[in-house]
């Protein structure tokens, strides 16, 4: 049976574990020693193999970073790969990926997620419950598309972009690196790097720290 290291122990980790179990034929091991949530995962019968220092002892294993913050996901994935672990892409059985779409290593699609024709996702992108990435979109590595969010056709995002729950991004727009789109926002114009936008229509609310 395949063994997968899940790096993280919070809500995102539990959702990723649900995807692994829905796919079957894999055993979950958790890298989260020292985190408060790790005790609850242990009580549910999951094997907590240790903290990040345990990665080298599991070289050659597949891993997924199950943490919502893109910057943390970037750092932890680099540590896991440096330890000799290999990123795995996970797609829930109820999610759909068009035949010409491309998913980078470490991507996770939760239940109901949709990635349509000729869309491209970089490394370790998380597409959450019932989110949509439409045709010809390009989503930069370590980005997060929150539940019920929608990227219309031809949207291009930089790295570490966060699109909040229920937000909508109009077709053919560009979102720079480190952009945050607030929950429920409707984005009608390009957004420069490191900018937070909120509201309907979306407007700048400040700079990302």
Protein backbone atom coordinates (compact mmCIF):
# COMPACT_ATOMS: atom_id res chain seq x y z
CA UNK A 1 0.00 0.00 0.00
CA UNK A 2 1.28 3.48 -0.90
CA UNK A 3 2.27 5.72 2.00
CA UNK A 4 1.73 9.49 1.91
CA UNK A 5 3.18 12.05 4.31
CA UNK A 6 0.72 14.82 5.14
CA UNK A 7 2.60 17.89 6.37
CA UNK A 8 0.23 19.77 8.68
CA UNK A 9 -2.45 19.02 11.24
CA UNK A 10 -5.15 21.71 11.04
CA UNK A 11 -8.43 21.91 9.14
CA UNK A 12 -6.76 21.87 5.73
CA UNK A 13 -4.86 18.73 6.72
CA UNK A 14 -8.06 16.96 7.74
CA UNK A 15 -9.65 17.86 4.40
CA UNK A 16 -6.61 16.59 2.50
CA UNK A 17 -6.70 13.36 4.49
CA UNK A 18 -10.34 12.99 3.42
CA UNK A 19 -9.22 13.23 -0.22
CA UNK A 20 -6.56 10.56 0.29
CA UNK A 21 -9.04 8.24 1.95
CA UNK A 22 -11.63 8.84 -0.78
CA UNK A 23 -9.04 7.83 -3.37
CA UNK A 24 -8.15 4.68 -1.38
CA UNK A 25 -5.04 2.51 -1.63
CA UNK A 26 -2.86 4.82 0.46
CA UNK A 27 -1.93 5.03 4.12
CA UNK A 28 -1.67 8.44 5.77
CA UNK A 29 1.25 9.44 7.97
CA UNK A 30 1.29 12.90 9.52
CA UNK A 31 4.27 15.23 9.93
CA UNK A 32 3.08 17.56 12.66
CA UNK A 33 4.72 16.68 15.96
CA UNK A 34 4.54 19.59 18.38
CA UNK A 35 1.44 21.14 16.81
CA UNK A 36 -1.60 21.16 19.13
CA UNK A 37 -3.82 19.54 16.49
CA UNK A 38 -1.52 16.54 16.13
CA UNK A 39 -2.94 14.98 19.28
CA UNK A 40 -6.43 14.89 17.77
CA UNK A 41 -5.12 13.19 14.65
CA UNK A 42 -3.31 10.63 16.79
CA UNK A 43 -6.53 9.95 18.67
CA UNK A 44 -8.22 9.24 15.32
CA UNK A 45 -5.63 6.57 14.59
CA UNK A 46 -3.30 8.44 12.24
CA UNK A 47 0.42 7.84 12.60
CA UNK A 48 2.18 11.06 13.60
CA UNK A 49 5.75 10.25 12.56
CA UNK A 50 7.33 13.39 14.02
CA UNK A 51 8.10 16.97 13.10
CA UNK A 52 10.00 18.32 10.12
CA UNK A 53 13.18 16.64 11.35
CA UNK A 54 11.50 13.32 10.59
CA UNK A 55 11.36 14.03 6.84
CA UNK A 56 14.85 12.70 6.16
CA UNK A 57 13.87 9.38 7.73
CA UNK A 58 11.15 9.07 5.09
CA UNK A 59 13.15 9.94 1.98
CA UNK A 60 11.55 8.53 -1.14
CA UNK A 61 8.02 8.82 0.24
CA UNK A 62 5.29 10.92 -1.38
CA UNK A 63 4.19 14.05 0.46
CA UNK A 64 1.56 16.78 0.34
CA UNK A 65 1.72 20.06 2.27
CA UNK A 66 -1.74 20.45 3.78
CA UNK A 67 -1.48 24.05 4.98
CA UNK A 68 -3.61 26.92 3.69
CA UNK A 69 -0.95 29.63 3.76
CA UNK A 70 0.90 29.67 0.44
CA UNK A 71 4.14 31.06 1.84
CA UNK A 72 4.31 28.33 4.48
CA UNK A 73 3.43 25.77 1.81
CA UNK A 74 6.35 26.98 -0.30
CA UNK A 75 8.82 26.77 2.58
CA UNK A 76 7.67 23.36 3.79
CA UNK A 77 7.55 21.81 0.33
CA UNK A 78 11.14 22.93 -0.24
CA UNK A 79 12.18 21.27 3.04
CA UNK A 80 10.38 18.06 2.12
CA UNK A 81 11.98 17.89 -1.32
CA UNK A 82 15.41 18.66 0.14
CA UNK A 83 14.88 15.65 2.44
CA UNK A 84 14.29 13.42 -0.59
CA UNK A 85 10.48 13.26 -0.49
CA UNK A 86 8.38 13.64 -3.64
CA UNK A 87 5.26 15.82 -4.06
CA UNK A 88 2.05 14.05 -5.02
CA UNK A 89 -0.99 15.58 -6.75
CA UNK A 90 -4.38 14.71 -5.24
CA UNK A 91 -7.75 15.08 -6.98
CA UNK A 92 -10.92 14.11 -5.09
CA UNK A 93 -13.15 11.70 -7.05
CA UNK A 94 -15.93 14.31 -7.21
CA UNK A 95 -13.61 16.98 -8.64
CA UNK A 96 -13.11 17.25 -12.40
CA UNK A 97 -10.08 18.10 -14.52
CA UNK A 98 -10.41 18.56 -18.28
CA UNK A 99 -8.21 16.32 -20.41
CA UNK A 100 -6.08 19.21 -21.67
CA UNK A 101 -5.69 20.90 -18.28
CA UNK A 102 -2.33 20.59 -16.51
CA UNK A 103 -1.76 20.25 -12.77
CA UNK A 104 1.67 20.80 -11.25
CA UNK A 105 3.17 18.52 -8.60
CA UNK A 106 1.67 18.87 -5.14
CA UNK A 107 -1.67 20.30 -6.29
CA UNK A 108 -4.79 19.40 -4.28
CA UNK A 109 -8.37 19.53 -5.60
CA UNK A 110 -11.04 19.15 -2.93
CA UNK A 111 -14.60 17.87 -3.52
CA UNK A 112 -16.50 19.62 -6.31
CA UNK A 113 -13.52 21.57 -7.62
CA UNK A 114 -13.51 22.14 -11.39
CA UNK A 115 -10.53 22.81 -13.68
CA UNK A 116 -11.58 23.16 -17.31
CA UNK A 117 -10.05 23.17 -20.79
CA UNK A 118 -6.41 24.19 -21.20
CA UNK A 119 -6.08 25.59 -17.68
CA UNK A 120 -2.65 25.37 -16.09
CA UNK A 121 -1.86 25.12 -12.37
CA UNK A 122 1.65 25.51 -11.00
CA UNK A 123 3.14 23.61 -8.07
CA UNK A 124 1.26 23.05 -4.81
CA UNK A 125 -1.90 24.95 -5.79
CA UNK A 126 -4.93 24.25 -3.58
CA UNK A 127 -8.39 24.41 -5.19
CA UNK A 128 -10.98 24.16 -2.46
CA UNK A 129 -14.59 22.96 -2.27
CA UNK A 130 -16.69 23.76 -5.35
CA UNK A 131 -14.21 26.31 -6.71
CA UNK A 132 -13.88 26.77 -10.47
CA UNK A 133 -10.87 27.50 -12.65
CA UNK A 134 -12.14 28.07 -16.18
CA UNK A 135 -10.60 27.56 -19.61
CA UNK A 136 -7.14 28.97 -20.38
CA UNK A 137 -6.48 30.14 -16.83
CA UNK A 138 -2.94 30.09 -15.47
CA UNK A 139 -2.58 29.86 -11.69
CA UNK A 140 0.83 30.44 -10.13
CA UNK A 141 2.49 28.05 -7.72
CA UNK A 142 1.45 28.02 -4.04
CA UNK A 143 -1.80 29.84 -4.75
CA UNK A 144 -5.07 29.06 -2.94
CA UNK A 145 -8.54 29.21 -4.48
CA UNK A 146 -11.04 29.19 -1.61
CA UNK A 147 -14.43 27.41 -1.46
CA UNK A 148 -16.92 28.62 -4.06
CA UNK A 149 -14.49 31.03 -5.72
CA UNK A 150 -14.47 31.34 -9.51
CA UNK A 151 -11.75 32.34 -11.96
CA UNK A 152 -13.32 33.12 -15.33
CA UNK A 153 -11.67 32.16 -18.61
CA UNK A 154 -8.15 33.35 -19.34
CA UNK A 155 -7.32 34.68 -15.87
CA UNK A 156 -3.61 34.68 -15.04
CA UNK A 157 -2.29 34.79 -11.49
CA UNK A 158 1.18 35.08 -10.05
CA UNK A 159 2.60 32.98 -7.23
CA UNK A 160 1.11 32.79 -3.75
CA UNK A 161 -2.20 34.38 -4.71
CA UNK A 162 -5.13 33.91 -2.31
CA UNK A 163 -8.68 34.12 -3.70
CA UNK A 164 -11.21 34.26 -0.86
CA UNK A 165 -14.43 32.31 -0.42
CA UNK A 166 -17.09 33.12 -3.01
CA UNK A 167 -14.95 35.64 -4.88
CA UNK A 168 -15.25 36.05 -8.65
CA UNK A 169 -12.48 37.16 -11.02
CA UNK A 170 -13.61 38.47 -14.43
CA UNK A 171 -12.19 36.87 -17.59
CA UNK A 172 -8.73 37.70 -18.96
CA UNK A 173 -7.53 39.60 -15.90
CA UNK A 174 -4.08 39.39 -14.31
CA UNK A 175 -3.40 39.11 -10.57
CA UNK A 176 0.21 39.72 -9.57
CA UNK A 177 2.31 37.74 -7.10
CA UNK A 178 1.09 37.73 -3.48
CA UNK A 179 -2.32 39.23 -4.26
CA UNK A 180 -5.17 38.68 -1.79
CA UNK A 181 -8.77 38.79 -3.05
CA UNK A 182 -11.21 39.14 -0.16
CA UNK A 183 -14.19 36.85 0.39
CA UNK A 184 -17.11 37.68 -1.90
CA UNK A 185 -15.16 40.24 -3.92
CA UNK A 186 -15.85 40.75 -7.63
CA UNK A 187 -12.63 41.60 -9.45
CA UNK A 188 -13.14 43.61 -12.65
CA UNK A 189 -9.62 44.99 -13.20
CA UNK A 190 -6.05 43.73 -13.07
CA UNK A 191 -4.52 43.68 -9.58
CA UNK A 192 -0.84 44.61 -9.09
CA UNK A 193 1.48 42.45 -6.95
CA UNK A 194 1.17 42.38 -3.15
CA UNK A 195 -2.21 44.15 -3.20
CA UNK A 196 -5.30 43.23 -1.20
CA UNK A 197 -8.66 43.92 -2.88
CA UNK A 198 -12.14 43.69 -1.37
CA UNK A 199 -15.73 44.54 -2.20
CA UNK A 200 -18.08 44.70 -5.20
CA UNK A 201 -16.57 45.84 -7.44
CA UNK A 202 -13.23 45.01 -5.85
CA UNK A 203 -11.03 47.93 -4.80
CA UNK A 204 -7.62 48.09 -3.09
CA UNK A 205 -7.63 47.76 0.69
CA UNK A 206 -3.89 47.90 1.29
CA UNK A 207 -0.66 46.07 0.69
CA UNK A 208 0.08 42.52 1.69
CA UNK A 209 2.67 42.35 4.46
